[in-house]
Amino acid sequence: MLHPTLLKLFRPVLVRSHSNLTRTACRTLTTSIPYKMRVPYAPSEPPNEESRPVYERIAERRKPRPLIPLDLALLHNPAVADGWNAFIGAIRTKTTVPDTLKELAISRVAVLNSAVHEWDVHAALAVKAGVSKSAMQVVFETPVTGRGWRRDGDMEGLSEEEEAVMRYTDQMTIGVEVEDGVAEKVKGLLGDKQTVELTAIVAAYNCVSRFLVALDVGECNGRGMKKVEEL
């Protein structure tokens, strides 16, 4: 630490330097350097015959859309991409949790993990499935409801099922352990099978969001999530 006398002498220089550094950093972040995924994307076409069946299975699930950036990140290892595709495919199409609750849970995971792409896609799907925009605003802006949380009006606008799913999702995502009362509430509303499915959905999309954010897949980390009114 500088001696007080020296600090007084150098303060104008330090202030100017800090100010210039701040302006430079903001300018760099906002205009100069494009956000890029942290590894290159894999080829969009199979690089060899061994990987072709994997590409075809993923393309079949995506059609009529092309492969997405997440696929092209995972395809660095076709075996991992293949397993991921089968797992997430089952979560998306072979579970019986209503789409409203499934997409609400996925959207909440996205909010908690700052997964911009995951929010933009699945919050829109939640609204399309029938979740009200007022409910999605609660999902978007409510602080995490951790262990010991009790309803105090912050979740007004959610149905009983939506609130239970949101609390379950929060506790699974932040802290991992779920209180007995929260789990019993979900089980009482959804039954054993859908409770297992919901748990798999939340776990799966925590996996997805962590992968997306860590590698900045799709170059989304530098921008904000869509506002609810934009969904």
C-alpha atoms as a PDB file:
ATOM      1  CA  MET A   1       0.000   0.000   0.000  1.00  0.00           C
ATOM      2  CA  LEU A   2       1.303   3.488  -0.862  1.00  0.00           C
ATOM      3  CA  HIS A   3       2.308   5.834   1.965  1.00  0.00           C
ATOM      4  CA  PRO A   4      -0.457   8.463   2.540  1.00  0.00           C
ATOM      5  CA  THR A   5       1.815  11.264   1.288  1.00  0.00           C
ATOM      6  CA  LEU A   6       2.641   9.375  -1.906  1.00  0.00           C
ATOM      7  CA  LEU A   7      -0.987   8.375  -2.337  1.00  0.00           C
ATOM      8  CA  LYS A   8      -1.968  12.050  -2.192  1.00  0.00           C
ATOM      9  CA  LEU A   9       0.628  12.884  -4.831  1.00  0.00           C
ATOM     10  CA  PHE A  10      -0.390  10.057  -7.168  1.00  0.00           C
ATOM     11  CA  ARG A  11      -4.176  10.231  -6.635  1.00  0.00           C
ATOM     12  CA  PRO A  12      -4.874  12.342  -9.784  1.00  0.00           C
ATOM     13  CA  VAL A  13      -2.844   9.896 -11.907  1.00  0.00           C
ATOM     14  CA  LEU A  14      -4.545   6.883 -10.355  1.00  0.00           C
ATOM     15  CA  VAL A  15      -7.995   8.354 -10.880  1.00  0.00           C
ATOM     16  CA  ARG A  16      -7.255   9.239 -14.498  1.00  0.00           C
ATOM     17  CA  SER A  17      -5.774   5.794 -15.115  1.00  0.00           C
ATOM     18  CA  HIS A  18      -8.751   4.048 -13.559  1.00  0.00           C
ATOM     19  CA  SER A  19     -11.143   6.201 -15.553  1.00  0.00           C
ATOM     20  CA  ASN A  20      -9.304   5.502 -18.809  1.00  0.00           C
ATOM     21  CA  LEU A  21      -9.136   1.790 -18.024  1.00  0.00           C
ATOM     22  CA  THR A  22     -12.864   1.692 -17.296  1.00  0.00           C
ATOM     23  CA  ARG A  23     -13.723   3.456 -20.528  1.00  0.00           C
ATOM     24  CA  THR A  24     -11.367   1.191 -22.474  1.00  0.00           C
ATOM     25  CA  ALA A  25     -12.791  -1.964 -20.878  1.00  0.00           C
ATOM     26  CA  CYS A  26     -16.365  -0.937 -21.616  1.00  0.00           C
ATOM     27  CA  ARG A  27     -15.486   0.002 -25.164  1.00  0.00           C
ATOM     28  CA  THR A  28     -13.702  -3.316 -25.664  1.00  0.00           C
ATOM     29  CA  LEU A  29     -16.541  -5.360 -24.243  1.00  0.00           C
ATOM     30  CA  THR A  30     -19.251  -3.560 -26.130  1.00  0.00           C
ATOM     31  CA  THR A  31     -17.765  -2.880 -29.549  1.00  0.00           C
ATOM     32  CA  SER A  32     -14.373  -4.402 -30.242  1.00  0.00           C
ATOM     33  CA  ILE A  33     -14.218  -8.084 -29.375  1.00  0.00           C
ATOM     34  CA  PRO A  34     -16.993 -10.399 -30.567  1.00  0.00           C
ATOM     35  CA  TYR A  35     -18.050 -13.128 -28.171  1.00  0.00           C
ATOM     36  CA  LYS A  36     -16.864 -16.528 -29.361  1.00  0.00           C
ATOM     37  CA  MET A  37     -17.365 -20.030 -28.078  1.00  0.00           C
ATOM     38  CA  ARG A  38     -14.342 -21.218 -26.162  1.00  0.00           C
ATOM     39  CA  VAL A  39     -13.600 -24.060 -28.563  1.00  0.00           C
ATOM     40  CA  PRO A  40     -14.219 -24.216 -32.316  1.00  0.00           C
ATOM     41  CA  TYR A  41     -17.431 -25.871 -33.443  1.00  0.00           C
ATOM     42  CA  ALA A  42     -17.190 -29.372 -34.858  1.00  0.00           C
ATOM     43  CA  PRO A  43     -17.901 -29.769 -38.595  1.00  0.00           C
ATOM     44  CA  SER A  44     -21.564 -29.507 -39.569  1.00  0.00           C
ATOM     45  CA  GLU A  45     -21.134 -32.548 -41.824  1.00  0.00           C
ATOM     46  CA  PRO A  46     -19.768 -35.936 -40.691  1.00  0.00           C
ATOM     47  CA  PRO A  47     -15.965 -35.870 -40.919  1.00  0.00           C
ATOM     48  CA  ASN A  48     -15.843 -39.660 -41.400  1.00  0.00           C
ATOM     49  CA  GLU A  49     -18.137 -42.628 -41.973  1.00  0.00           C
ATOM     50  CA  GLU A  50     -17.862 -43.775 -38.366  1.00  0.00           C
ATOM     51  CA  SER A  51     -19.544 -40.593 -37.106  1.00  0.00           C
ATOM     52  CA  ARG A  52     -22.185 -40.405 -39.865  1.00  0.00           C
ATOM     53  CA  PRO A  53     -24.876 -42.424 -38.004  1.00  0.00           C
ATOM     54  CA  VAL A  54     -24.532 -40.129 -34.986  1.00  0.00           C
ATOM     55  CA  TYR A  55     -24.948 -37.028 -37.139  1.00  0.00           C
ATOM     56  CA  GLU A  56     -27.995 -38.619 -38.775  1.00  0.00           C
ATOM     57  CA  ARG A  57     -29.636 -39.467 -35.440  1.00  0.00           C
ATOM     58  CA  ILE A  58     -29.162 -35.946 -34.147  1.00  0.00           C
ATOM     59  CA  ALA A  59     -30.375 -34.454 -37.438  1.00  0.00           C
ATOM     60  CA  GLU A  60     -33.474 -36.654 -37.263  1.00  0.00           C
ATOM     61  CA  ARG A  61     -34.377 -35.244 -33.848  1.00  0.00           C
ATOM     62  CA  ARG A  62     -33.714 -31.667 -34.952  1.00  0.00           C
ATOM     63  CA  LYS A  63     -35.489 -31.724 -38.310  1.00  0.00           C
ATOM     64  CA  PRO A  64     -36.632 -29.608 -40.019  1.00  0.00           C
ATOM     65  CA  ARG A  65     -34.055 -27.420 -38.285  1.00  0.00           C
ATOM     66  CA  PRO A  66     -30.334 -27.881 -38.988  1.00  0.00           C
ATOM     67  CA  LEU A  67     -27.929 -28.921 -36.266  1.00  0.00           C
ATOM     68  CA  ILE A  68     -27.710 -26.239 -33.584  1.00  0.00           C
ATOM     69  CA  PRO A  69     -24.571 -24.841 -31.898  1.00  0.00           C
ATOM     70  CA  LEU A  70     -25.057 -27.181 -28.920  1.00  0.00           C
ATOM     71  CA  ASP A  71     -24.895 -30.179 -31.261  1.00  0.00           C
ATOM     72  CA  LEU A  72     -21.783 -28.834 -32.971  1.00  0.00           C
ATOM     73  CA  ALA A  73     -20.089 -28.364 -29.610  1.00  0.00           C
ATOM     74  CA  LEU A  74     -20.918 -31.884 -28.432  1.00  0.00           C
ATOM     75  CA  LEU A  75     -19.898 -33.469 -31.737  1.00  0.00           C
ATOM     76  CA  HIS A  76     -16.248 -33.056 -30.837  1.00  0.00           C
ATOM     77  CA  ASN A  77     -16.961 -36.458 -29.288  1.00  0.00           C
ATOM     78  CA  PRO A  78     -19.660 -38.231 -31.331  1.00  0.00           C
ATOM     79  CA  ALA A  79     -20.228 -40.867 -28.641  1.00  0.00           C
ATOM     80  CA  VAL A  80     -20.971 -38.177 -26.051  1.00  0.00           C
ATOM     81  CA  ALA A  81     -23.161 -36.310 -28.535  1.00  0.00           C
ATOM     82  CA  ASP A  82     -25.050 -39.509 -29.319  1.00  0.00           C
ATOM     83  CA  GLY A  83     -25.723 -40.292 -25.666  1.00  0.00           C
ATOM     84  CA  TRP A  84     -26.712 -36.695 -24.976  1.00  0.00           C
ATOM     85  CA  ASN A  85     -29.123 -36.724 -27.916  1.00  0.00           C
ATOM     86  CA  ALA A  86     -30.803 -39.921 -26.708  1.00  0.00           C
ATOM     87  CA  PHE A  87     -31.073 -38.689 -23.119  1.00  0.00           C
ATOM     88  CA  ILE A  88     -32.398 -35.211 -23.877  1.00  0.00           C
ATOM     89  CA  GLY A  89     -34.649 -36.657 -26.571  1.00  0.00           C
ATOM     90  CA  ALA A  90     -36.270 -38.905 -23.967  1.00  0.00           C
ATOM     91  CA  ILE A  91     -36.611 -36.004 -21.537  1.00  0.00           C
ATOM     92  CA  ARG A  92     -38.289 -33.858 -24.200  1.00  0.00           C
ATOM     93  CA  THR A  93     -40.603 -36.395 -25.806  1.00  0.00           C
ATOM     94  CA  LYS A  94     -41.062 -39.406 -23.540  1.00  0.00           C
ATOM     95  CA  THR A  95     -42.057 -37.877 -20.211  1.00  0.00           C
ATOM     96  CA  THR A  96     -45.616 -37.249 -19.025  1.00  0.00           C
ATOM     97  CA  VAL A  97     -45.078 -34.058 -16.998  1.00  0.00           C
ATOM     98  CA  PRO A  98     -47.344 -31.428 -18.599  1.00  0.00           C
ATOM     99  CA  ASP A  99     -45.495 -29.134 -20.986  1.00  0.00           C
ATOM    100  CA  THR A 100     -46.483 -26.127 -18.876  1.00  0.00           C
ATOM    101  CA  LEU A 101     -44.668 -27.463 -15.820  1.00  0.00           C
ATOM    102  CA  LYS A 102     -41.775 -28.953 -17.791  1.00  0.00           C
ATOM    103  CA  GLU A 103     -40.992 -25.711 -19.611  1.00  0.00           C
ATOM    104  CA  LEU A 104     -41.500 -23.642 -16.458  1.00  0.00           C
ATOM    105  CA  ALA A 105     -38.946 -25.800 -14.636  1.00  0.00           C
ATOM    106  CA  ILE A 106     -36.445 -25.586 -17.508  1.00  0.00           C
ATOM    107  CA  SER A 107     -36.927 -21.819 -17.709  1.00  0.00           C
ATOM    108  CA  ARG A 108     -36.284 -21.472 -13.999  1.00  0.00           C
ATOM    109  CA  VAL A 109     -33.062 -23.495 -14.285  1.00  0.00           C
ATOM    110  CA  ALA A 110     -31.994 -21.100 -17.043  1.00  0.00           C
ATOM    111  CA  VAL A 111     -32.636 -18.073 -14.825  1.00  0.00           C
ATOM    112  CA  LEU A 112     -30.745 -19.531 -11.873  1.00  0.00           C
ATOM    113  CA  ASN A 113     -27.758 -20.543 -14.023  1.00  0.00           C
ATOM    114  CA  SER A 114     -27.739 -17.442 -16.263  1.00  0.00           C
ATOM    115  CA  ALA A 115     -28.199 -19.608 -19.351  1.00  0.00           C
ATOM    116  CA  VAL A 116     -29.406 -17.028 -21.869  1.00  0.00           C
ATOM    117  CA  HIS A 117     -30.121 -19.350 -24.789  1.00  0.00           C
ATOM    118  CA  GLU A 118     -31.911 -21.847 -22.544  1.00  0.00           C
ATOM    119  CA  TRP A 119     -34.187 -19.092 -21.205  1.00  0.00           C
ATOM    120  CA  ASP A 120     -34.924 -17.558 -24.595  1.00  0.00           C
ATOM    121  CA  VAL A 121     -35.977 -20.910 -26.071  1.00  0.00           C
ATOM    122  CA  HIS A 122     -37.784 -22.544 -23.173  1.00  0.00           C
ATOM    123  CA  ALA A 123     -39.504 -19.485 -21.724  1.00  0.00           C
ATOM    124  CA  ALA A 124     -41.095 -18.986 -25.142  1.00  0.00           C
ATOM    125  CA  LEU A 125     -42.111 -22.661 -25.164  1.00  0.00           C
ATOM    126  CA  ALA A 126     -43.616 -22.259 -21.684  1.00  0.00           C
ATOM    127  CA  VAL A 127     -45.774 -19.373 -22.864  1.00  0.00           C
ATOM    128  CA  LYS A 128     -46.735 -21.329 -25.983  1.00  0.00           C
ATOM    129  CA  ALA A 129     -47.733 -24.272 -23.771  1.00  0.00           C
ATOM    130  CA  GLY A 130     -50.045 -22.056 -21.729  1.00  0.00           C
ATOM    131  CA  VAL A 131     -48.028 -20.576 -18.859  1.00  0.00           C
ATOM    132  CA  SER A 132     -49.175 -16.989 -18.361  1.00  0.00           C
ATOM    133  CA  LYS A 133     -46.740 -14.159 -18.884  1.00  0.00           C
ATOM    134  CA  SER A 134     -47.435 -12.984 -15.344  1.00  0.00           C
ATOM    135  CA  ALA A 135     -46.312 -16.402 -14.092  1.00  0.00           C
ATOM    136  CA  MET A 136     -43.211 -16.246 -16.287  1.00  0.00           C
ATOM    137  CA  GLN A 137     -42.397 -12.844 -14.798  1.00  0.00           C
ATOM    138  CA  VAL A 138     -42.379 -14.530 -11.379  1.00  0.00           C
ATOM    139  CA  VAL A 139     -40.080 -17.232 -12.764  1.00  0.00           C
ATOM    140  CA  PHE A 140     -37.817 -14.568 -14.252  1.00  0.00           C
ATOM    141  CA  GLU A 141     -37.450 -12.176 -11.327  1.00  0.00           C
ATOM    142  CA  THR A 142     -38.022 -14.077  -8.054  1.00  0.00           C
ATOM    143  CA  PRO A 143     -34.838 -14.592  -5.988  1.00  0.00           C
ATOM    144  CA  VAL A 144     -33.915 -18.202  -5.333  1.00  0.00           C
ATOM    145  CA  THR A 145     -36.299 -19.932  -2.919  1.00  0.00           C
ATOM    146  CA  GLY A 146     -33.813 -21.914  -0.862  1.00  0.00           C
ATOM    147  CA  ARG A 147     -34.208 -24.242   2.078  1.00  0.00           C
ATOM    148  CA  GLY A 148     -36.547 -22.963   4.749  1.00  0.00           C
ATOM    149  CA  TRP A 149     -38.346 -20.612   2.349  1.00  0.00           C
ATOM    150  CA  ARG A 150     -41.983 -19.986   3.119  1.00  0.00           C
ATOM    151  CA  ARG A 151     -44.583 -18.361   0.891  1.00  0.00           C
ATOM    152  CA  ASP A 152     -44.867 -14.653   1.640  1.00  0.00           C
ATOM    153  CA  GLY A 153     -46.672 -13.411  -1.441  1.00  0.00           C
ATOM    154  CA  ASP A 154     -43.663 -13.339  -3.759  1.00  0.00           C
ATOM    155  CA  MET A 155     -45.146 -16.134  -5.864  1.00  0.00           C
ATOM    156  CA  GLU A 156     -48.651 -14.803  -6.226  1.00  0.00           C
ATOM    157  CA  GLY A 157     -49.760 -15.469  -9.779  1.00  0.00           C
ATOM    158  CA  LEU A 158     -48.485 -19.041  -9.854  1.00  0.00           C
ATOM    159  CA  SER A 159     -50.807 -22.007  -9.572  1.00  0.00           C
ATOM    160  CA  GLU A 160     -50.238 -24.468  -6.745  1.00  0.00           C
ATOM    161  CA  GLU A 161     -48.499 -26.862  -9.146  1.00  0.00           C
ATOM    162  CA  GLU A 162     -46.343 -24.116 -10.665  1.00  0.00           C
ATOM    163  CA  GLU A 163     -45.210 -22.903  -7.247  1.00  0.00           C
ATOM    164  CA  ALA A 164     -44.367 -26.427  -6.089  1.00  0.00           C
ATOM    165  CA  VAL A 165     -42.378 -27.116  -9.263  1.00  0.00           C
ATOM    166  CA  MET A 166     -40.516 -23.823  -8.962  1.00  0.00           C
ATOM    167  CA  ARG A 167     -39.550 -24.453  -5.336  1.00  0.00           C
ATOM    168  CA  TYR A 168     -38.441 -28.005  -6.182  1.00  0.00           C
ATOM    169  CA  THR A 169     -36.396 -26.705  -9.126  1.00  0.00           C
ATOM    170  CA  ASP A 170     -34.756 -24.020  -6.991  1.00  0.00           C
ATOM    171  CA  GLN A 171     -33.701 -26.425  -4.270  1.00  0.00           C
ATOM    172  CA  MET A 172     -32.388 -29.005  -6.752  1.00  0.00           C
ATOM    173  CA  THR A 173     -30.413 -26.356  -8.625  1.00  0.00           C
ATOM    174  CA  ILE A 174     -29.077 -24.273  -5.722  1.00  0.00           C
ATOM    175  CA  GLY A 175     -27.884 -26.449  -2.869  1.00  0.00           C
ATOM    176  CA  VAL A 176     -28.986 -29.769  -4.465  1.00  0.00           C
ATOM    177  CA  GLU A 177     -30.761 -31.082  -1.347  1.00  0.00           C
ATOM    178  CA  VAL A 178     -34.562 -30.862  -1.398  1.00  0.00           C
ATOM    179  CA  GLU A 179     -36.520 -30.455   1.825  1.00  0.00           C
ATOM    180  CA  ASP A 180     -38.923 -33.259   2.693  1.00  0.00           C
ATOM    181  CA  GLY A 181     -41.884 -30.904   2.693  1.00  0.00           C
ATOM    182  CA  VAL A 182     -41.077 -29.586  -0.782  1.00  0.00           C
ATOM    183  CA  ALA A 183     -40.618 -33.086  -2.190  1.00  0.00           C
ATOM    184  CA  GLU A 184     -43.811 -34.336  -0.556  1.00  0.00           C
ATOM    185  CA  LYS A 185     -45.749 -31.392  -1.984  1.00  0.00           C
ATOM    186  CA  VAL A 186     -44.566 -32.200  -5.504  1.00  0.00           C
ATOM    187  CA  LYS A 187     -45.280 -35.903  -5.051  1.00  0.00           C
ATOM    188  CA  GLY A 188     -48.740 -35.178  -3.729  1.00  0.00           C
ATOM    189  CA  LEU A 189     -49.530 -33.059  -6.778  1.00  0.00           C
ATOM    190  CA  LEU A 190     -47.784 -35.048  -9.497  1.00  0.00           C
ATOM    191  CA  GLY A 191     -47.550 -38.613  -8.206  1.00  0.00           C
ATOM    192  CA  ASP A 192     -44.496 -40.870  -8.107  1.00  0.00           C
ATOM    193  CA  LYS A 193     -43.851 -41.220 -11.845  1.00  0.00           C
ATOM    194  CA  GLN A 194     -44.043 -37.528 -12.667  1.00  0.00           C
ATOM    195  CA  THR A 195     -41.974 -36.641  -9.609  1.00  0.00           C
ATOM    196  CA  VAL A 196     -39.215 -38.888 -10.977  1.00  0.00           C
ATOM    197  CA  GLU A 197     -39.652 -37.330 -14.416  1.00  0.00           C
ATOM    198  CA  LEU A 198     -39.558 -33.776 -13.043  1.00  0.00           C
ATOM    199  CA  THR A 199     -36.390 -34.604 -11.138  1.00  0.00           C
ATOM    200  CA  ALA A 200     -34.811 -35.928 -14.341  1.00  0.00           C
ATOM    201  CA  ILE A 201     -35.941 -32.833 -16.270  1.00  0.00           C
ATOM    202  CA  VAL A 202     -34.413 -30.422 -13.751  1.00  0.00           C
ATOM    203  CA  ALA A 203     -31.199 -32.454 -13.521  1.00  0.00           C
ATOM    204  CA  ALA A 204     -30.914 -32.730 -17.311  1.00  0.00           C
ATOM    205  CA  TYR A 205     -31.344 -29.029 -17.952  1.00  0.00           C
ATOM    206  CA  ASN A 206     -28.913 -28.126 -15.194  1.00  0.00           C
ATOM    207  CA  CYS A 207     -26.487 -30.228 -17.224  1.00  0.00           C
ATOM    208  CA  VAL A 208     -27.455 -28.433 -20.434  1.00  0.00           C
ATOM    209  CA  SER A 209     -27.185 -24.954 -18.937  1.00  0.00           C
ATOM    210  CA  ARG A 210     -23.823 -25.612 -17.322  1.00  0.00           C
ATOM    211  CA  PHE A 211     -22.438 -26.882 -20.627  1.00  0.00           C
ATOM    212  CA  LEU A 212     -23.844 -23.905 -22.548  1.00  0.00           C
ATOM    213  CA  VAL A 213     -22.528 -21.300 -20.112  1.00  0.00           C
ATOM    214  CA  ALA A 214     -19.104 -22.829 -19.460  1.00  0.00           C
ATOM    215  CA  LEU A 215     -18.224 -22.970 -23.178  1.00  0.00           C
ATOM    216  CA  ASP A 216     -20.397 -19.983 -24.175  1.00  0.00           C
ATOM    217  CA  VAL A 217     -22.106 -22.129 -26.775  1.00  0.00           C
ATOM    218  CA  GLY A 218     -23.946 -19.905 -29.243  1.00  0.00           C
ATOM    219  CA  GLU A 219     -22.047 -16.856 -27.964  1.00  0.00           C
ATOM    220  CA  CYS A 220     -24.924 -15.876 -25.660  1.00  0.00           C
ATOM    221  CA  ASN A 221     -23.155 -15.080 -22.395  1.00  0.00           C
ATOM    222  CA  GLY A 222     -22.553 -11.452 -23.290  1.00  0.00           C
ATOM    223  CA  ARG A 223     -26.161 -10.475 -23.863  1.00  0.00           C
ATOM    224  CA  GLY A 224     -29.229 -10.258 -21.675  1.00  0.00           C
ATOM    225  CA  MET A 225     -32.130 -12.665 -21.568  1.00  0.00           C
ATOM    226  CA  LYS A 226     -35.302 -11.778 -23.441  1.00  0.00           C
ATOM    227  CA  LYS A 227     -37.797  -9.866 -21.369  1.00  0.00           C
ATOM    228  CA  VAL A 228     -41.049 -11.656 -20.672  1.00  0.00           C
ATOM    229  CA  GLU A 229     -43.012  -9.262 -22.876  1.00  0.00           C
ATOM    230  CA  GLU A 230     -40.735 -10.233 -25.783  1.00  0.00           C
ATOM    231  CA  LEU A 231     -41.557 -13.932 -25.556  1.00  0.00           C
END
